[in-house]
Amino acid sequence: MKDFCVFILSHGRAKKVKTLDTIRRLGYTGDAYIVVDDEDDVLSYIAEFGTKSVLVFSKAVVAKTFDAMDNFDERRTVVYARNACFDLARKVGVRWFLELDDDYTNFQHRWREDGKLMGRNVRNLDSLFEATVRFLDASGAHIVAWAQGGDFITGKSNTFIDEPLRRKAMNSFFCDSWRPFQFVGRINEDANTYLSLGGRGARIFTITNLMLQQTATQQSDGGMSEVYIDSGTYLKSFYTVMCNPSCCIVRPMGDKHIRLHHMVRWNNAVPQILDEKWRKT
């Protein structure tokens, strides 16, 4: 597809970038770049992927362009790279781009059949990426994402897939450089952004029948793992509460390993279209 590329955001693990091999194995043939910051060991990425495939941005410069929502002297998070991608898209000459983390191991179709939650590996990422970009353009959305493996926990009793679109976006971000926006918050930037922008009427969607699989947070070295270990999910979740405390709270989540996590009351979070039956005549 012309006028489109994939950005794979990475930090501190040049030899552990799984996503590039994954998208090639599953049929993506277009341009892909590894995005790293100037506070990383850039030469290790260039040695691994070549000069043309590595894009470098300045963290200090990007840090001045958005609200980190704190006063911590800490830049070991992905939000800087997320915001840098709009300028990088213009640099490489594309309008549309997809932001991916570096630890994806698979992409799948998901559907319900005979009461069971089914899955099958994708084999045609080129056509699926193109279809998603067409939807992004036609819908006027700021972000379109694919579901995550964690969205389908509990299997056949899971209700996430019962709606074709959800008003959130995490981990994968199809974006239009002609419709720029800013990710906000040093941590939990994806939830912060879909809640703050969504509350102001921006269209942000997750397509629920397409799913990515990734390495579990805190299971691999580098990237965001150290930050999550240092601060825990308590601090992480409160960034999103700050974005919209009228509809977001922190509550315990999990079965055996309980952790605190943000919870959004969606009826109070984003504008919604009322059914025609409520129209006044």
C-alpha atoms as a PDB file:
ATOM      1  CA  MET A   1       0.000   0.000   0.000  1.00  0.00           C
ATOM      2  CA  LYS A   2       1.344   3.398  -0.981  1.00  0.00           C
ATOM      3  CA  ASP A   3       1.531   6.302   1.462  1.00  0.00           C
ATOM      4  CA  PHE A   4       1.696   3.953   4.487  1.00  0.00           C
ATOM      5  CA  CYS A   5       4.371   2.500   6.745  1.00  0.00           C
ATOM      6  CA  VAL A   6       4.805   0.642  10.013  1.00  0.00           C
ATOM      7  CA  PHE A   7       6.766   2.173  12.885  1.00  0.00           C
ATOM      8  CA  ILE A   8       8.083  -0.301  15.468  1.00  0.00           C
ATOM      9  CA  LEU A   9       8.919   1.534  18.693  1.00  0.00           C
ATOM     10  CA  SER A  10      11.804   0.104  20.668  1.00  0.00           C
ATOM     11  CA  HIS A  11      14.251   0.970  23.437  1.00  0.00           C
ATOM     12  CA  GLY A  12      17.155  -0.967  24.902  1.00  0.00           C
ATOM     13  CA  ARG A  13      16.632  -4.286  23.126  1.00  0.00           C
ATOM     14  CA  ALA A  14      17.989  -4.149  19.606  1.00  0.00           C
ATOM     15  CA  LYS A  15      18.445  -7.919  19.497  1.00  0.00           C
ATOM     16  CA  LYS A  16      14.980  -8.651  20.920  1.00  0.00           C
ATOM     17  CA  VAL A  17      12.748  -6.903  18.380  1.00  0.00           C
ATOM     18  CA  LYS A  18      10.162  -9.585  17.608  1.00  0.00           C
ATOM     19  CA  THR A  19       7.561  -7.523  15.782  1.00  0.00           C
ATOM     20  CA  LEU A  20       9.445  -7.041  12.515  1.00  0.00           C
ATOM     21  CA  ASP A  21       9.882 -10.777  11.963  1.00  0.00           C
ATOM     22  CA  THR A  22       6.255 -11.337  12.953  1.00  0.00           C
ATOM     23  CA  ILE A  23       4.715  -8.906  10.452  1.00  0.00           C
ATOM     24  CA  ARG A  24       6.952 -10.190   7.641  1.00  0.00           C
ATOM     25  CA  ARG A  25       6.015 -13.797   8.432  1.00  0.00           C
ATOM     26  CA  LEU A  26       2.330 -12.908   8.329  1.00  0.00           C
ATOM     27  CA  GLY A  27       2.398 -11.198   4.954  1.00  0.00           C
ATOM     28  CA  TYR A  28       3.318  -7.531   5.358  1.00  0.00           C
ATOM     29  CA  THR A  29       5.505  -6.421   2.437  1.00  0.00           C
ATOM     30  CA  GLY A  30       5.516  -2.634   2.875  1.00  0.00           C
ATOM     31  CA  ASP A  31       7.927  -0.221   4.517  1.00  0.00           C
ATOM     32  CA  ALA A  32       8.772  -0.733   8.189  1.00  0.00           C
ATOM     33  CA  TYR A  33      11.070   1.304  10.422  1.00  0.00           C
ATOM     34  CA  ILE A  34      12.510   0.815  13.889  1.00  0.00           C
ATOM     35  CA  VAL A  35      11.983   4.022  15.914  1.00  0.00           C
ATOM     36  CA  VAL A  36      14.542   4.715  18.649  1.00  0.00           C
ATOM     37  CA  ASP A  37      15.477   7.748  20.712  1.00  0.00           C
ATOM     38  CA  ASP A  38      18.794   9.537  20.968  1.00  0.00           C
ATOM     39  CA  GLU A  39      19.187   8.472  24.604  1.00  0.00           C
ATOM     40  CA  ASP A  40      19.396   4.815  23.558  1.00  0.00           C
ATOM     41  CA  ASP A  41      22.281   2.812  22.062  1.00  0.00           C
ATOM     42  CA  VAL A  42      21.403   3.791  18.511  1.00  0.00           C
ATOM     43  CA  LEU A  43      24.447   2.103  16.993  1.00  0.00           C
ATOM     44  CA  SER A  44      23.277  -1.309  18.186  1.00  0.00           C
ATOM     45  CA  TYR A  45      20.019  -0.849  16.261  1.00  0.00           C
ATOM     46  CA  ILE A  46      21.832   0.328  13.144  1.00  0.00           C
ATOM     47  CA  ALA A  47      24.131  -2.695  13.344  1.00  0.00           C
ATOM     48  CA  GLU A  48      21.096  -4.970  13.621  1.00  0.00           C
ATOM     49  CA  PHE A  49      18.751  -3.408  11.045  1.00  0.00           C
ATOM     50  CA  GLY A  50      20.792  -1.045   8.884  1.00  0.00           C
ATOM     51  CA  THR A  51      20.847   2.733   8.632  1.00  0.00           C
ATOM     52  CA  LYS A  52      17.851   3.045   6.317  1.00  0.00           C
ATOM     53  CA  SER A  53      15.561   1.053   8.615  1.00  0.00           C
ATOM     54  CA  VAL A  54      16.302   2.968  11.837  1.00  0.00           C
ATOM     55  CA  LEU A  55      14.734   6.349  12.593  1.00  0.00           C
ATOM     56  CA  VAL A  56      16.121   8.384  15.503  1.00  0.00           C
ATOM     57  CA  PHE A  57      14.332  11.213  17.314  1.00  0.00           C
ATOM     58  CA  SER A  58      15.299  13.551  20.151  1.00  0.00           C
ATOM     59  CA  LYS A  59      13.553  12.813  23.431  1.00  0.00           C
ATOM     60  CA  ALA A  60      14.434  16.212  24.839  1.00  0.00           C
ATOM     61  CA  VAL A  61      12.821  17.972  21.886  1.00  0.00           C
ATOM     62  CA  VAL A  62       9.656  15.862  21.927  1.00  0.00           C
ATOM     63  CA  ALA A  63       9.359  16.281  25.718  1.00  0.00           C
ATOM     64  CA  LYS A  64       8.654  19.981  25.202  1.00  0.00           C
ATOM     65  CA  THR A  65       5.663  19.341  22.942  1.00  0.00           C
ATOM     66  CA  PHE A  66       3.152  17.491  25.166  1.00  0.00           C
ATOM     67  CA  ASP A  67       1.829  17.273  28.729  1.00  0.00           C
ATOM     68  CA  ALA A  68       3.615  14.538  30.714  1.00  0.00           C
ATOM     69  CA  MET A  69       1.129  15.118  33.566  1.00  0.00           C
ATOM     70  CA  ASP A  70       3.840  15.041  36.241  1.00  0.00           C
ATOM     71  CA  ASN A  71       7.078  16.711  37.297  1.00  0.00           C
ATOM     72  CA  PHE A  72       9.240  13.578  37.480  1.00  0.00           C
ATOM     73  CA  ASP A  73      12.716  13.531  35.963  1.00  0.00           C
ATOM     74  CA  GLU A  74      12.000  10.291  34.111  1.00  0.00           C
ATOM     75  CA  ARG A  75      11.943   9.585  30.382  1.00  0.00           C
ATOM     76  CA  ARG A  76      12.064   5.774  30.180  1.00  0.00           C
ATOM     77  CA  THR A  77       8.614   5.542  28.626  1.00  0.00           C
ATOM     78  CA  VAL A  78       7.172   5.108  25.147  1.00  0.00           C
ATOM     79  CA  VAL A  79       5.055   8.269  24.995  1.00  0.00           C
ATOM     80  CA  TYR A  80       7.942  10.266  23.493  1.00  0.00           C
ATOM     81  CA  ALA A  81       8.269   7.850  20.589  1.00  0.00           C
ATOM     82  CA  ARG A  82       4.502   7.773  20.082  1.00  0.00           C
ATOM     83  CA  ASN A  83       4.391  11.539  19.641  1.00  0.00           C
ATOM     84  CA  ALA A  84       7.530  11.602  17.487  1.00  0.00           C
ATOM     85  CA  CYS A  85       5.905   9.378  14.858  1.00  0.00           C
ATOM     86  CA  PHE A  86       3.864  12.190  13.323  1.00  0.00           C
ATOM     87  CA  ASP A  87       7.018  14.091  12.375  1.00  0.00           C
ATOM     88  CA  LEU A  88       8.716  10.865  11.320  1.00  0.00           C
ATOM     89  CA  ALA A  89       5.803  10.053   8.990  1.00  0.00           C
ATOM     90  CA  ARG A  90       6.315  13.368   7.232  1.00  0.00           C
ATOM     91  CA  LYS A  91      10.061  12.711   7.138  1.00  0.00           C
ATOM     92  CA  VAL A  92       9.683   9.402   5.281  1.00  0.00           C
ATOM     93  CA  GLY A  93       6.902  10.808   3.094  1.00  0.00           C
ATOM     94  CA  VAL A  94       3.802   8.886   4.148  1.00  0.00           C
ATOM     95  CA  ARG A  95       0.370  10.028   5.233  1.00  0.00           C
ATOM     96  CA  TRP A  96      -0.814   6.993   7.195  1.00  0.00           C
ATOM     97  CA  PHE A  97       1.185   4.929   9.649  1.00  0.00           C
ATOM     98  CA  LEU A  98       0.827   2.174  12.210  1.00  0.00           C
ATOM     99  CA  GLU A  99       2.623   2.325  15.558  1.00  0.00           C
ATOM    100  CA  LEU A 100       3.529  -1.070  17.031  1.00  0.00           C
ATOM    101  CA  ASP A 101       5.545  -2.066  20.088  1.00  0.00           C
ATOM    102  CA  ASP A 102       8.560  -4.303  19.515  1.00  0.00           C
ATOM    103  CA  ASP A 103       7.368  -7.482  21.265  1.00  0.00           C
ATOM    104  CA  TYR A 104       4.484  -8.816  19.131  1.00  0.00           C
ATOM    105  CA  THR A 105       4.589 -12.530  18.388  1.00  0.00           C
ATOM    106  CA  ASN A 106       1.382 -13.067  16.391  1.00  0.00           C
ATOM    107  CA  PHE A 107      -1.766 -11.541  14.886  1.00  0.00           C
ATOM    108  CA  GLN A 108      -5.080 -13.394  14.765  1.00  0.00           C
ATOM    109  CA  HIS A 109      -8.653 -13.264  13.524  1.00  0.00           C
ATOM    110  CA  ARG A 110     -11.119 -13.803  16.389  1.00  0.00           C
ATOM    111  CA  TRP A 111     -14.805 -14.759  16.183  1.00  0.00           C
ATOM    112  CA  ARG A 112     -17.539 -16.572  18.052  1.00  0.00           C
ATOM    113  CA  GLU A 113     -18.828 -19.877  16.666  1.00  0.00           C
ATOM    114  CA  ASP A 114     -21.212 -22.364  18.285  1.00  0.00           C
ATOM    115  CA  GLY A 115     -20.798 -20.580  21.596  1.00  0.00           C
ATOM    116  CA  LYS A 116     -16.995 -20.804  21.475  1.00  0.00           C
ATOM    117  CA  LEU A 117     -14.417 -18.072  21.023  1.00  0.00           C
ATOM    118  CA  MET A 118     -12.368 -19.036  17.967  1.00  0.00           C
ATOM    119  CA  GLY A 119      -9.024 -17.823  16.637  1.00  0.00           C
ATOM    120  CA  ARG A 120      -6.912 -18.239  13.510  1.00  0.00           C
ATOM    121  CA  ASN A 121      -3.559 -16.738  12.569  1.00  0.00           C
ATOM    122  CA  VAL A 122      -3.700 -14.060   9.894  1.00  0.00           C
ATOM    123  CA  ARG A 123      -1.807 -14.650   6.644  1.00  0.00           C
ATOM    124  CA  ASN A 124      -2.575 -11.433   4.794  1.00  0.00           C
ATOM    125  CA  LEU A 125      -1.405  -8.447   6.825  1.00  0.00           C
ATOM    126  CA  ASP A 126      -1.043  -6.315   3.681  1.00  0.00           C
ATOM    127  CA  SER A 127      -4.775  -6.474   2.935  1.00  0.00           C
ATOM    128  CA  LEU A 128      -5.791  -6.168   6.602  1.00  0.00           C
ATOM    129  CA  PHE A 129      -3.597  -3.106   7.131  1.00  0.00           C
ATOM    130  CA  GLU A 130      -5.033  -1.539   3.962  1.00  0.00           C
ATOM    131  CA  ALA A 131      -8.623  -2.252   5.027  1.00  0.00           C
ATOM    132  CA  THR A 132      -7.982  -0.706   8.449  1.00  0.00           C
ATOM    133  CA  VAL A 133      -6.507   2.429   6.897  1.00  0.00           C
ATOM    134  CA  ARG A 134      -9.547   2.727   4.615  1.00  0.00           C
ATOM    135  CA  PHE A 135     -11.778   2.547   7.694  1.00  0.00           C
ATOM    136  CA  LEU A 136      -9.614   5.110   9.510  1.00  0.00           C
ATOM    137  CA  ASP A 137     -10.005   7.499   6.581  1.00  0.00           C
ATOM    138  CA  ALA A 138     -13.714   6.908   5.955  1.00  0.00           C
ATOM    139  CA  SER A 139     -14.675   7.151   9.627  1.00  0.00           C
ATOM    140  CA  GLY A 140     -12.703  10.317  10.303  1.00  0.00           C
ATOM    141  CA  ALA A 141     -11.181   8.610  13.336  1.00  0.00           C
ATOM    142  CA  HIS A 142      -8.073   9.857  15.097  1.00  0.00           C
ATOM    143  CA  ILE A 143      -6.995   6.313  16.022  1.00  0.00           C
ATOM    144  CA  VAL A 144      -8.010   2.815  14.999  1.00  0.00           C
ATOM    145  CA  ALA A 145      -6.506  -0.109  16.931  1.00  0.00           C
ATOM    146  CA  TRP A 146      -6.727  -3.888  16.958  1.00  0.00           C
ATOM    147  CA  ALA A 147      -7.664  -5.861  20.064  1.00  0.00           C
ATOM    148  CA  GLN A 148      -5.104  -7.328  22.485  1.00  0.00           C
ATOM    149  CA  GLY A 149      -4.859 -10.871  23.743  1.00  0.00           C
ATOM    150  CA  GLY A 150      -5.892  -9.713  27.212  1.00  0.00           C
ATOM    151  CA  ASP A 151      -9.190  -8.440  25.838  1.00  0.00           C
ATOM    152  CA  PHE A 152     -10.327 -12.051  25.391  1.00  0.00           C
ATOM    153  CA  ILE A 153      -9.539 -13.440  28.835  1.00  0.00           C
ATOM    154  CA  THR A 154     -12.239 -15.900  30.038  1.00  0.00           C
ATOM    155  CA  GLY A 155     -12.706 -17.363  26.550  1.00  0.00           C
ATOM    156  CA  LYS A 156     -16.228 -18.260  25.486  1.00  0.00           C
ATOM    157  CA  SER A 157     -17.850 -16.215  28.261  1.00  0.00           C
ATOM    158  CA  ASN A 158     -15.969 -13.101  27.159  1.00  0.00           C
ATOM    159  CA  THR A 159     -18.221 -10.339  25.800  1.00  0.00           C
ATOM    160  CA  PHE A 160     -15.560  -8.047  24.310  1.00  0.00           C
ATOM    161  CA  ILE A 161     -16.107  -9.368  20.784  1.00  0.00           C
ATOM    162  CA  ASP A 162     -19.890  -8.961  20.949  1.00  0.00           C
ATOM    163  CA  GLU A 163     -19.525  -5.409  19.621  1.00  0.00           C
ATOM    164  CA  PRO A 164     -17.552  -4.875  16.394  1.00  0.00           C
ATOM    165  CA  LEU A 165     -16.008  -1.640  17.687  1.00  0.00           C
ATOM    166  CA  ARG A 166     -14.947  -0.481  21.141  1.00  0.00           C
ATOM    167  CA  ARG A 167     -14.258   3.127  22.107  1.00  0.00           C
ATOM    168  CA  LYS A 168     -10.643   2.563  23.158  1.00  0.00           C
ATOM    169  CA  ALA A 169      -7.221   2.032  21.602  1.00  0.00           C
ATOM    170  CA  MET A 170      -4.176   0.354  23.113  1.00  0.00           C
ATOM    171  CA  ASN A 171      -0.828  -0.972  21.847  1.00  0.00           C
ATOM    172  CA  SER A 172      -1.486  -0.658  18.100  1.00  0.00           C
ATOM    173  CA  PHE A 173      -2.309   2.730  16.576  1.00  0.00           C
ATOM    174  CA  PHE A 174      -3.319   3.372  12.969  1.00  0.00           C
ATOM    175  CA  CYS A 175      -2.982   7.138  12.526  1.00  0.00           C
ATOM    176  CA  ASP A 176      -3.306   9.820   9.862  1.00  0.00           C
ATOM    177  CA  SER A 177      -0.532  12.423   9.819  1.00  0.00           C
ATOM    178  CA  TRP A 178      -3.049  14.884   8.362  1.00  0.00           C
ATOM    179  CA  ARG A 179      -5.065  14.519  11.571  1.00  0.00           C
ATOM    180  CA  PRO A 180      -2.385  14.940  14.262  1.00  0.00           C
ATOM    181  CA  PHE A 181      -2.952  14.681  18.006  1.00  0.00           C
ATOM    182  CA  GLN A 182      -0.813  14.248  21.102  1.00  0.00           C
ATOM    183  CA  PHE A 183      -0.496  11.277  23.401  1.00  0.00           C
ATOM    184  CA  VAL A 184      -0.483  12.570  26.979  1.00  0.00           C
ATOM    185  CA  GLY A 185       0.891  11.339  30.286  1.00  0.00           C
ATOM    186  CA  ARG A 186       4.301   9.879  30.964  1.00  0.00           C
ATOM    187  CA  ILE A 187       2.771   6.485  31.837  1.00  0.00           C
ATOM    188  CA  ASN A 188      -0.425   4.801  30.590  1.00  0.00           C
ATOM    189  CA  GLU A 189      -0.367   7.115  27.606  1.00  0.00           C
ATOM    190  CA  ASP A 190      -2.717   4.986  25.514  1.00  0.00           C
ATOM    191  CA  ALA A 191      -5.564   4.974  28.059  1.00  0.00           C
ATOM    192  CA  ASN A 192      -4.905   8.621  28.935  1.00  0.00           C
ATOM    193  CA  THR A 193      -5.243   9.580  25.294  1.00  0.00           C
ATOM    194  CA  TYR A 194      -8.341   7.628  24.342  1.00  0.00           C
ATOM    195  CA  LEU A 195     -10.110   8.926  27.462  1.00  0.00           C
ATOM    196  CA  SER A 196      -9.091  12.586  27.160  1.00  0.00           C
ATOM    197  CA  LEU A 197      -9.590  12.823  23.385  1.00  0.00           C
ATOM    198  CA  GLY A 198     -12.644  10.573  23.372  1.00  0.00           C
ATOM    199  CA  GLY A 199     -14.311  12.744  26.002  1.00  0.00           C
ATOM    200  CA  ARG A 200     -13.977  15.697  23.628  1.00  0.00           C
ATOM    201  CA  GLY A 201     -15.626  13.838  20.770  1.00  0.00           C
ATOM    202  CA  ALA A 202     -12.650  12.353  18.927  1.00  0.00           C
ATOM    203  CA  ARG A 203     -13.398   9.034  17.239  1.00  0.00           C
ATOM    204  CA  ILE A 204     -11.125   6.346  18.682  1.00  0.00           C
ATOM    205  CA  PHE A 205     -11.911   2.700  17.946  1.00  0.00           C
ATOM    206  CA  THR A 206     -10.679  -0.837  18.529  1.00  0.00           C
ATOM    207  CA  ILE A 207     -11.679  -3.417  15.923  1.00  0.00           C
ATOM    208  CA  THR A 208     -12.591  -6.396  18.072  1.00  0.00           C
ATOM    209  CA  ASN A 209     -12.227  -9.293  15.613  1.00  0.00           C
ATOM    210  CA  LEU A 210      -8.541  -8.643  14.878  1.00  0.00           C
ATOM    211  CA  MET A 211      -6.033  -9.275  17.661  1.00  0.00           C
ATOM    212  CA  LEU A 212      -2.341  -8.900  18.394  1.00  0.00           C
ATOM    213  CA  GLN A 213      -0.349 -11.057  20.780  1.00  0.00           C
ATOM    214  CA  GLN A 214       2.598  -9.697  22.723  1.00  0.00           C
ATOM    215  CA  THR A 215       5.056 -10.605  25.438  1.00  0.00           C
ATOM    216  CA  ALA A 216       3.529  -9.965  28.853  1.00  0.00           C
ATOM    217  CA  THR A 217       4.548  -6.688  30.512  1.00  0.00           C
ATOM    218  CA  GLN A 218       7.431  -7.187  32.974  1.00  0.00           C
ATOM    219  CA  GLN A 219       8.334 -10.512  31.329  1.00  0.00           C
ATOM    220  CA  SER A 220      11.088  -9.070  29.109  1.00  0.00           C
ATOM    221  CA  ASP A 221      14.009  -6.755  29.797  1.00  0.00           C
ATOM    222  CA  GLY A 222      14.187  -3.200  28.489  1.00  0.00           C
ATOM    223  CA  GLY A 223      11.370  -1.090  27.078  1.00  0.00           C
ATOM    224  CA  MET A 224       8.737  -0.149  29.655  1.00  0.00           C
ATOM    225  CA  SER A 225       9.335  -3.121  31.950  1.00  0.00           C
ATOM    226  CA  GLU A 226      11.648  -1.360  34.393  1.00  0.00           C
ATOM    227  CA  VAL A 227       9.272   1.591  34.755  1.00  0.00           C
ATOM    228  CA  TYR A 228       6.319  -0.666  35.576  1.00  0.00           C
ATOM    229  CA  ILE A 229       8.416  -2.594  38.077  1.00  0.00           C
ATOM    230  CA  ASP A 230       9.594   0.652  39.685  1.00  0.00           C
ATOM    231  CA  SER A 231       6.196   2.345  39.951  1.00  0.00           C
ATOM    232  CA  GLY A 232       3.635  -0.465  39.850  1.00  0.00           C
ATOM    233  CA  THR A 233       0.156  -0.312  38.366  1.00  0.00           C
ATOM    234  CA  TYR A 234      -1.154   1.917  41.169  1.00  0.00           C
ATOM    235  CA  LEU A 235       0.765   4.954  39.953  1.00  0.00           C
ATOM    236  CA  LYS A 236       0.265   3.969  36.311  1.00  0.00           C
ATOM    237  CA  SER A 237      -3.514   3.854  36.617  1.00  0.00           C
ATOM    238  CA  PHE A 238      -3.837   7.182  38.385  1.00  0.00           C
ATOM    239  CA  TYR A 239      -2.584   9.047  35.310  1.00  0.00           C
ATOM    240  CA  THR A 240      -5.794   8.001  33.584  1.00  0.00           C
ATOM    241  CA  VAL A 241      -7.908   9.004  36.581  1.00  0.00           C
ATOM    242  CA  MET A 242      -6.352  12.460  36.353  1.00  0.00           C
ATOM    243  CA  CYS A 243      -7.463  12.710  32.720  1.00  0.00           C
ATOM    244  CA  ASN A 244     -11.127  12.372  33.610  1.00  0.00           C
ATOM    245  CA  PRO A 245     -11.924  11.673  37.284  1.00  0.00           C
ATOM    246  CA  SER A 246     -15.664  11.975  36.614  1.00  0.00           C
ATOM    247  CA  CYS A 247     -15.716   8.649  34.761  1.00  0.00           C
ATOM    248  CA  CYS A 248     -12.505   6.819  35.702  1.00  0.00           C
ATOM    249  CA  ILE A 249     -11.613   5.158  39.004  1.00  0.00           C
ATOM    250  CA  VAL A 250      -8.976   2.742  40.295  1.00  0.00           C
ATOM    251  CA  ARG A 251     -10.105  -0.658  41.548  1.00  0.00           C
ATOM    252  CA  PRO A 252      -8.598  -4.113  42.270  1.00  0.00           C
ATOM    253  CA  MET A 253      -8.333  -6.419  39.263  1.00  0.00           C
ATOM    254  CA  GLY A 254      -7.244 -10.026  38.820  1.00  0.00           C
ATOM    255  CA  ASP A 255      -7.833 -13.492  40.201  1.00  0.00           C
ATOM    256  CA  LYS A 256      -4.800 -14.911  41.992  1.00  0.00           C
ATOM    257  CA  HIS A 257      -2.536 -11.903  41.581  1.00  0.00           C
ATOM    258  CA  ILE A 258      -4.559  -8.833  42.545  1.00  0.00           C
ATOM    259  CA  ARG A 259      -3.415  -5.462  41.230  1.00  0.00           C
ATOM    260  CA  LEU A 260      -4.936  -2.021  41.026  1.00  0.00           C
ATOM    261  CA  HIS A 261      -6.090  -0.937  37.598  1.00  0.00           C
ATOM    262  CA  HIS A 262      -8.113   1.901  36.086  1.00  0.00           C
ATOM    263  CA  MET A 263     -11.772   1.294  35.261  1.00  0.00           C
ATOM    264  CA  VAL A 264     -13.746   3.512  32.889  1.00  0.00           C
ATOM    265  CA  ARG A 265     -17.497   4.084  33.161  1.00  0.00           C
ATOM    266  CA  TRP A 266     -18.103   4.355  29.431  1.00  0.00           C
ATOM    267  CA  ASN A 267     -21.638   5.746  29.710  1.00  0.00           C
ATOM    268  CA  ASN A 268     -20.046   8.833  31.267  1.00  0.00           C
ATOM    269  CA  ALA A 269     -16.821   8.908  29.259  1.00  0.00           C
ATOM    270  CA  VAL A 270     -17.546   9.659  25.595  1.00  0.00           C
ATOM    271  CA  PRO A 271     -20.353  11.166  23.470  1.00  0.00           C
ATOM    272  CA  GLN A 272     -22.750   8.513  22.198  1.00  0.00           C
ATOM    273  CA  ILE A 273     -25.380   8.278  19.475  1.00  0.00           C
ATOM    274  CA  LEU A 274     -28.883   7.744  20.801  1.00  0.00           C
ATOM    275  CA  ASP A 275     -31.216   5.226  19.254  1.00  0.00           C
ATOM    276  CA  GLU A 276     -33.806   6.705  16.875  1.00  0.00           C
ATOM    277  CA  LYS A 277     -36.571   5.528  19.217  1.00  0.00           C
ATOM    278  CA  TRP A 278     -35.725   8.422  21.555  1.00  0.00           C
ATOM    279  CA  ARG A 279     -36.250  11.073  18.860  1.00  0.00           C
ATOM    280  CA  LYS A 280     -38.879  13.639  19.826  1.00  0.00           C
ATOM    281  CA  THR A 281     -41.616  14.014  17.241  1.00  0.00           C
END
